[in-house]
N, C-alpha and C. Protein backbone atom coordinates (compact mmCIF):
# COMPACT_ATOMS: atom_id res chain seq x y z
N MET A 1 14.74 83.79 -41.56
CA MET A 1 14.30 85.12 -41.94
C MET A 1 15.33 85.69 -42.92
N ASN A 2 14.85 86.34 -43.96
CA ASN A 2 15.76 86.90 -44.94
C ASN A 2 16.14 88.34 -44.55
N LEU A 3 17.09 88.89 -45.28
CA LEU A 3 17.61 90.21 -44.92
C LEU A 3 16.55 91.31 -44.95
N PRO A 4 15.72 91.40 -46.01
CA PRO A 4 14.69 92.44 -45.99
C PRO A 4 13.72 92.32 -44.81
N GLU A 5 13.39 91.07 -44.43
CA GLU A 5 12.51 90.88 -43.27
C GLU A 5 13.19 91.36 -42.00
N ALA A 6 14.47 91.06 -41.85
CA ALA A 6 15.21 91.50 -40.66
C ALA A 6 15.28 93.02 -40.61
N VAL A 7 15.47 93.65 -41.76
CA VAL A 7 15.49 95.12 -41.80
C VAL A 7 14.14 95.68 -41.37
N SER A 8 13.08 95.08 -41.89
CA SER A 8 11.73 95.54 -41.56
C SER A 8 11.41 95.36 -40.08
N ARG A 9 11.74 94.19 -39.54
CA ARG A 9 11.48 93.94 -38.12
C ARG A 9 12.31 94.86 -37.24
N GLY A 10 13.53 95.11 -37.65
CA GLY A 10 14.37 96.04 -36.89
C GLY A 10 13.80 97.44 -36.88
N ALA A 11 13.31 97.88 -38.03
CA ALA A 11 12.71 99.21 -38.11
C ALA A 11 11.44 99.29 -37.26
N GLU A 12 10.64 98.24 -37.28
CA GLU A 12 9.43 98.21 -36.45
C GLU A 12 9.78 98.26 -34.97
N ALA A 13 10.78 97.47 -34.57
CA ALA A 13 11.19 97.45 -33.17
C ALA A 13 11.73 98.81 -32.74
N LYS A 14 12.53 99.43 -33.61
CA LYS A 14 13.09 100.75 -33.29
C LYS A 14 11.98 101.79 -33.13
N ALA A 15 11.02 101.75 -34.05
CA ALA A 15 9.90 102.68 -33.97
C ALA A 15 9.13 102.48 -32.67
N LEU A 16 8.91 101.24 -32.30
CA LEU A 16 8.19 100.95 -31.05
C LEU A 16 8.97 101.45 -29.84
N LEU A 17 10.26 101.16 -29.81
CA LEU A 17 11.09 101.58 -28.67
C LEU A 17 11.15 103.10 -28.54
N GLU A 18 10.98 103.81 -29.65
CA GLU A 18 11.05 105.27 -29.62
C GLU A 18 9.70 105.93 -29.47
N THR A 19 8.63 105.13 -29.42
CA THR A 19 7.28 105.67 -29.25
C THR A 19 7.11 106.14 -27.80
N PRO A 20 6.77 107.41 -27.60
CA PRO A 20 6.63 107.91 -26.23
C PRO A 20 5.64 107.10 -25.39
N ALA A 21 4.56 106.65 -25.99
CA ALA A 21 3.57 105.86 -25.24
C ALA A 21 4.18 104.56 -24.74
N PHE A 22 5.00 103.90 -25.58
CA PHE A 22 5.65 102.66 -25.15
C PHE A 22 6.64 102.93 -24.03
N VAL A 23 7.43 103.98 -24.19
CA VAL A 23 8.42 104.32 -23.16
C VAL A 23 7.74 104.60 -21.84
N ARG A 24 6.65 105.38 -21.87
CA ARG A 24 5.91 105.68 -20.64
C ARG A 24 5.31 104.42 -20.02
N ALA A 25 4.71 103.58 -20.86
CA ALA A 25 4.09 102.35 -20.36
C ALA A 25 5.15 101.43 -19.75
N PHE A 26 6.27 101.29 -20.42
CA PHE A 26 7.34 100.42 -19.93
C PHE A 26 7.84 100.91 -18.58
N GLU A 27 8.12 102.19 -18.48
CA GLU A 27 8.62 102.75 -17.23
C GLU A 27 7.56 102.70 -16.12
N SER A 28 6.30 102.85 -16.49
CA SER A 28 5.22 102.77 -15.51
C SER A 28 5.13 101.36 -14.92
N VAL A 29 5.22 100.36 -15.77
CA VAL A 29 5.17 98.97 -15.29
C VAL A 29 6.40 98.67 -14.45
N ARG A 30 7.57 99.10 -14.92
CA ARG A 30 8.81 98.86 -14.17
C ARG A 30 8.73 99.53 -12.79
N SER A 31 8.26 100.75 -12.73
CA SER A 31 8.14 101.46 -11.45
C SER A 31 7.14 100.78 -10.52
N ALA A 32 6.03 100.32 -11.09
CA ALA A 32 5.02 99.64 -10.28
C ALA A 32 5.59 98.36 -9.66
N ILE A 33 6.37 97.63 -10.42
CA ILE A 33 6.97 96.40 -9.90
C ILE A 33 7.94 96.75 -8.77
N HIS A 34 8.78 97.76 -9.00
CA HIS A 34 9.73 98.17 -7.96
C HIS A 34 9.01 98.64 -6.69
N GLU A 35 7.93 99.40 -6.86
CA GLU A 35 7.17 99.90 -5.71
C GLU A 35 6.54 98.74 -4.94
N GLN A 36 5.99 97.77 -5.66
CA GLN A 36 5.40 96.61 -4.99
C GLN A 36 6.46 95.82 -4.25
N TRP A 37 7.63 95.68 -4.86
CA TRP A 37 8.72 94.96 -4.20
C TRP A 37 9.14 95.69 -2.93
N ALA A 38 9.31 97.01 -3.00
CA ALA A 38 9.74 97.80 -1.85
C ALA A 38 8.71 97.75 -0.73
N ALA A 39 7.43 97.64 -1.09
CA ALA A 39 6.37 97.62 -0.09
C ALA A 39 6.09 96.22 0.45
N SER A 40 6.67 95.21 -0.16
CA SER A 40 6.38 93.84 0.27
C SER A 40 7.09 93.52 1.58
N PRO A 41 6.42 92.76 2.44
CA PRO A 41 7.06 92.38 3.70
C PRO A 41 8.24 91.44 3.46
N ILE A 42 9.23 91.52 4.31
CA ILE A 42 10.42 90.68 4.20
C ILE A 42 10.04 89.20 4.18
N ARG A 43 9.04 88.81 4.94
CA ARG A 43 8.66 87.40 5.05
C ARG A 43 7.96 86.88 3.79
N ASP A 44 7.61 87.76 2.86
CA ASP A 44 6.92 87.34 1.64
C ASP A 44 7.93 87.02 0.54
N ALA A 45 8.71 85.97 0.76
CA ALA A 45 9.73 85.59 -0.20
C ALA A 45 9.11 85.18 -1.54
N GLN A 46 7.99 84.49 -1.49
CA GLN A 46 7.33 84.05 -2.72
C GLN A 46 6.86 85.25 -3.54
N GLY A 47 6.26 86.21 -2.88
CA GLY A 47 5.79 87.42 -3.57
C GLY A 47 6.96 88.20 -4.16
N GLN A 48 8.05 88.32 -3.42
CA GLN A 48 9.23 89.02 -3.92
C GLN A 48 9.82 88.28 -5.12
N HIS A 49 9.81 86.95 -5.05
CA HIS A 49 10.32 86.14 -6.15
C HIS A 49 9.47 86.38 -7.41
N GLU A 50 8.17 86.41 -7.26
CA GLU A 50 7.28 86.65 -8.40
C GLU A 50 7.50 88.04 -8.99
N LEU A 51 7.71 89.02 -8.13
CA LEU A 51 7.98 90.38 -8.62
C LEU A 51 9.31 90.42 -9.38
N LYS A 52 10.30 89.69 -8.88
CA LYS A 52 11.58 89.63 -9.57
C LYS A 52 11.41 88.98 -10.94
N LEU A 53 10.60 87.93 -11.02
CA LEU A 53 10.34 87.29 -12.30
C LEU A 53 9.63 88.25 -13.26
N MET A 54 8.69 89.03 -12.74
CA MET A 54 8.00 90.01 -13.57
C MET A 54 8.99 91.02 -14.14
N LEU A 55 9.88 91.49 -13.29
CA LEU A 55 10.88 92.45 -13.73
C LEU A 55 11.80 91.83 -14.78
N LYS A 56 12.18 90.57 -14.58
CA LYS A 56 13.03 89.89 -15.54
C LYS A 56 12.32 89.76 -16.89
N LEU A 57 11.07 89.38 -16.87
CA LEU A 57 10.32 89.25 -18.12
C LEU A 57 10.16 90.60 -18.82
N LEU A 58 9.94 91.63 -18.05
CA LEU A 58 9.83 92.97 -18.62
C LEU A 58 11.15 93.36 -19.30
N ASN A 59 12.26 93.08 -18.63
CA ASN A 59 13.57 93.38 -19.21
C ASN A 59 13.86 92.49 -20.42
N ASP A 60 13.39 91.23 -20.37
CA ASP A 60 13.55 90.34 -21.52
C ASP A 60 12.82 90.89 -22.74
N LEU A 61 11.65 91.45 -22.53
CA LEU A 61 10.89 92.06 -23.62
C LEU A 61 11.71 93.18 -24.26
N LEU A 62 12.28 94.03 -23.43
CA LEU A 62 13.09 95.13 -23.93
C LEU A 62 14.30 94.59 -24.71
N THR A 63 14.93 93.56 -24.19
CA THR A 63 16.09 92.96 -24.85
C THR A 63 15.73 92.40 -26.21
N VAL A 64 14.60 91.73 -26.32
CA VAL A 64 14.16 91.16 -27.60
C VAL A 64 14.00 92.27 -28.64
N LEU A 65 13.41 93.38 -28.23
CA LEU A 65 13.23 94.50 -29.16
C LEU A 65 14.57 95.12 -29.54
N GLU A 66 15.45 95.28 -28.57
CA GLU A 66 16.77 95.86 -28.84
C GLU A 66 17.59 94.97 -29.77
N VAL A 67 17.50 93.66 -29.59
CA VAL A 67 18.21 92.72 -30.46
C VAL A 67 17.65 92.81 -31.88
N ALA A 68 16.35 92.96 -32.01
CA ALA A 68 15.75 93.10 -33.34
C ALA A 68 16.27 94.35 -34.04
N VAL A 69 16.47 95.42 -33.29
CA VAL A 69 17.01 96.66 -33.88
C VAL A 69 18.44 96.42 -34.36
N VAL A 70 19.25 95.79 -33.52
CA VAL A 70 20.65 95.51 -33.89
C VAL A 70 20.69 94.59 -35.11
N ASP A 71 19.89 93.53 -35.10
CA ASP A 71 19.85 92.61 -36.23
C ASP A 71 19.40 93.32 -37.51
N GLY A 72 18.43 94.20 -37.37
CA GLY A 72 17.95 94.97 -38.52
C GLY A 72 19.03 95.88 -39.08
N ASN A 73 19.79 96.51 -38.19
CA ASN A 73 20.89 97.38 -38.64
C ASN A 73 21.96 96.57 -39.36
N GLU A 74 22.28 95.40 -38.82
CA GLU A 74 23.27 94.53 -39.48
C GLU A 74 22.77 94.05 -40.83
N ALA A 75 21.50 93.71 -40.90
CA ALA A 75 20.91 93.26 -42.16
C ALA A 75 20.94 94.40 -43.18
N ARG A 76 20.65 95.62 -42.74
CA ARG A 76 20.70 96.79 -43.63
C ARG A 76 22.11 96.98 -44.18
N ARG A 77 23.13 96.87 -43.33
CA ARG A 77 24.51 97.02 -43.78
C ARG A 77 24.87 95.92 -44.78
N GLU A 78 24.42 94.70 -44.52
CA GLU A 78 24.71 93.60 -45.43
C GLU A 78 24.02 93.81 -46.78
N LEU A 79 22.77 94.26 -46.76
CA LEU A 79 22.08 94.55 -48.03
C LEU A 79 22.79 95.66 -48.78
N ASP A 80 23.20 96.70 -48.08
CA ASP A 80 23.93 97.79 -48.72
C ASP A 80 25.23 97.29 -49.34
N ARG A 81 25.94 96.41 -48.62
CA ARG A 81 27.18 95.85 -49.13
C ARG A 81 26.92 95.01 -50.38
N LEU A 82 25.88 94.20 -50.33
CA LEU A 82 25.55 93.36 -51.48
C LEU A 82 25.14 94.20 -52.69
N ASN A 83 24.36 95.23 -52.43
CA ASN A 83 23.91 96.09 -53.53
C ASN A 83 25.07 96.87 -54.13
N ALA A 84 26.04 97.24 -53.32
CA ALA A 84 27.20 97.98 -53.82
C ALA A 84 28.10 97.09 -54.68
N SER A 85 28.07 95.80 -54.43
CA SER A 85 28.95 94.89 -55.18
C SER A 85 28.31 94.38 -56.47
N VAL A 86 27.04 94.69 -56.68
CA VAL A 86 26.35 94.26 -57.90
C VAL A 86 26.70 95.23 -59.02
N ILE A 87 27.13 94.70 -60.13
CA ILE A 87 27.44 95.55 -61.28
C ILE A 87 26.55 95.16 -62.45
N SER A 88 26.33 96.11 -63.30
CA SER A 88 25.49 95.88 -64.47
C SER A 88 26.28 95.13 -65.54
N PRO A 89 25.60 94.53 -66.50
CA PRO A 89 26.32 93.87 -67.59
C PRO A 89 27.24 94.83 -68.35
N LYS A 90 26.80 96.08 -68.52
CA LYS A 90 27.64 97.06 -69.21
C LYS A 90 28.91 97.34 -68.41
N GLN A 91 28.78 97.45 -67.09
CA GLN A 91 29.96 97.67 -66.24
C GLN A 91 30.89 96.46 -66.32
N TRP A 92 30.31 95.28 -66.34
CA TRP A 92 31.10 94.07 -66.39
C TRP A 92 31.90 93.98 -67.69
N MET A 93 31.28 94.44 -68.74
CA MET A 93 31.93 94.38 -70.06
C MET A 93 32.86 95.57 -70.29
N GLY A 94 32.90 96.50 -69.33
CA GLY A 94 33.80 97.64 -69.43
C GLY A 94 33.32 98.75 -70.33
N ARG A 95 32.06 98.85 -70.53
CA ARG A 95 31.50 99.91 -71.40
C ARG A 95 30.98 101.07 -70.62
């Protein structure tokens, strides 16, 4: 992936993470998993394990989006650095 693509993906991920509907949906799913786990009988180890996996996958989704934001920010800084170091032919010739 090139720098402009990383910037774009980071911006998309940031926008998604800041969307109130996404935040509500994410928290709703997380709460539902926790509620199901709390209500599950102690003897249901398999069910508890599956709920733990669901929670892990949900958190993995959040991590992927957060990493995209960080990568996008780093790509933006790198592009800014590269653009700042580019000089015109007139600047190069001292005019």
